[in-house]
Amino acid sequence: MILEQLRLNITREAYIFTPLYEPAKGNGSATRNSLVECLTIHRDTGRMELNAPPIPTNGQILQEVVVYGIMGFIQLHAGEYMIVITGYERVGSLKGSDILRATTFQILPLPHNLSRLSETQIEEEQTYVHLLQDHLRQNTFYYSYTYDLTRSIQRQSNAENISEPMWKMADPRFFWNRYLVDKMIMITESGEQDLSDFILPVIQGFVDISSTIINNHPVVFGLISRRSRERAGTRYFSRGLDDNGHASNFVETEQLLFYERGSAGNEEKLPIQLSFVQTRGSVPGIWGQITNTRYTPQLWVEGDLNDHHVLDTSRTHFNEQTRIYGSQILVNLVNKKGYEYPVGQLYARIVDALANPQLTYIHFDFHHECRKMRWDRVQLLIDELEILLTKQGYCCIDPNATMNKKRSIQTSVVRTNCMDCLDRTNVVQSALARWVLNRQLHDMGVLSSTQVIEDDAQFMTIFNNTWADNADVLSLAYSGTGALKTDYTRTGKRTYVGALNDLSNSLTRYVKNNYMDGSRQDGIDLFLGMYTVESGLYNSPFAKKKPWTTYAIPVGFFSSLGLFLMVLFSPEQFSIESSTLYVLLLSFCFALSITCWRYIQQHGTEFVDWPKLKPILFPNERVRSTTTTGPIATNMNGTTPTTAIPPKEHGIPWMMKNPPPERSNTAILDEAEQGYELPKLKKTT
């Protein structure tokens, strides 16, 4: 049982939480005792105490706040800070449990003041707090007091001991605030005090729940996407696998359908629960893209599969995936030629080398097959997968059936990827989900053998918008913008307006991924505990400053370019009577802008917003450890790491420096999300 609403009294001595309502009871909750407990957190020591005796406060309560959950605690320079949920909105209900989205938060310091900190530490403290605030503001967080959002229905039904508190049963991959509540868990596990009523698992991702009617049958349609915290990051700063086999941008997406037998107004009490799970994740090898201010990042791939570490990392990844989900149907959507070709080849070689019978690999070149905006050709992939999807099945739990027919399970999973695991991936996943939904509705008798769900315009609007919203939220968390290709997901058609919107989003991604993502990555690393703030003597991650040229050159470029355009198109504003002086001024501005631009292109890594808390290291043992390119090859203590970024001139496998030379005009818009440079416009007659 997790406490739903708490009154937080803030005094100089303590934070005191008092329940406003009885504890929530429901699925995944444990009624260990009937005592409604209060929690006191002593600000001077950080000690947590249940039902503590009253603390003398001289009658002063500094502030009283209603909170809806404790996200957890994080250690900074001054001491611990507590993050609480202060606002929420209700998304819907599953199995009688409210599903909520946290909307506002408050970060509360346990220490009274920062007097013992130096000026530098105070500045850093403010930076850390701003990173946490930005992370909470820029992402979507969901929770429930009585429903475990971290686990699919099938995994919930596999649980042997449902009397355990929710935090014990939660899937650690998707328990986004697991690091923040570690202190509370350690106290509980030590037997000192049981704080389970205050430990609230929160997921980061997407949840949508809609009640509607299909063929006069009431149903609840839901979609839950759970983002993994194990290799979380931003688009270009998190690619491939880490040393533990965790994939970047790994997401488990579960489509839910709760079907109540009988017609509308004559429903049974216990609905049938249908679930279909898919996963997405970065190509499971060691590879990356080095941001350098060019529209096309520098691609590198570790293709030496004779290196046992490289192959073992992929093996570890798939061992975990098959353990959790069963056999893997691997759908690779990257291009079979050009810039993406090395990544696709790496994936195919890894699967061949692993020789795992539980892996089925299918390479579907999305951009080639669906060229010229013929996105209906995604059906070709569905046709190829149909036998595997039929064999895979889906989870069905019927509480009203006899014991031997109560439950069927999904025996495998489709793992889909493109380069970013965002736009193309979402189109394919929504198509697969629609195919499975048709099968479920036929099996349940909601649709006849001659009917398809696509004929129900009202439901398809819900379905398409839900999947498009899911695409936008997942894309925003990883790339910083909404998803591309959502016009097709929402309407079933690819349009030129949608393509132009994609181009706009692609350019926005370029700016954010090059010049803004470093701080976003820092916020993720700090929130998830990938970086911990050191106490005592330490090397500040913010101490290293960029050279003055990093700031001066862009100013010089934009100033000279702006002046050049003004002189060229509005010469009357400058009252230049001499044509010679006019030409000289134009030439000077033009030459200065070109010089600054060339400098930026040649020293691109200096202008990128790199993460400061954890340096980005691209593993390639064949690269000299003394070679560095930009700040990402420097540790926080200023030393050179043992693995560094491969330099451009180094001949490692599959180093791509330029995009493919020829592409059709329609392909430009389809390929924009991959980081292709825009081609020069050609004059046509």
Foldseek 3Di string as FASTA:
>chain_A
DAQFKWKWFAALFWTKTFGPDQADDAFLEACPDRDRWMWIQTLVPRDIDIPDPDDDRVPDGPDIAMFGAWLFWAAAAQGIKTKTQRDWDWQDDDPRWTKIKGADMDIGHSHPDDVVDDPVSVVVVVLLVVLQVCLVNLFIKMFTSHDALQDDPVLSVVDDDSNDHNVVSHDLFFQQSCVRCVVQVVCCVVVVDNPSNRDTRMGTADKHWDWDAFLQWTKIKMKHKGWTLPQEAAQQLAAAADLQLDFYRKIKMKIWMWTFPDGPPDGDPHTKIWIAIAIEGHLHFFWGFAFQLALFTWTDGFQPVVPVSGLVSNVSNVVVQCVVFNAEEEEEAEACDWQCVVSVVSSVVSCVVVVDPSYHYDYHPQCVQCPPQNNVSLVVVCVVCVVVDVVQATWIADPPDPPVPGIDHGRHYYYYYYNRCAAVVLSNVLVSVQVNVQVVCCVVVSDDPPDGPVVVVVVLQVSLVSSQVSRQNSCCSHQVGGYAPSVCSNPVGDDPVSLVVLLVRLVVSSCCQFAPRQSNRQSSCSSSVVFGHDYDDDQDLPPDDFDPCLVVLVVLQVVLVVVLVCCVPPVVVVPDPDPVVSVVSNVVSVVSNVVSVVVCNVLRLSNGNHHRRAARFRDDQVAQQVDERHDSQAGSVRDGDNGYDHDQVDDRPPTDDATDDDDDPSVCSVCSNNSHHDDDDDDDD
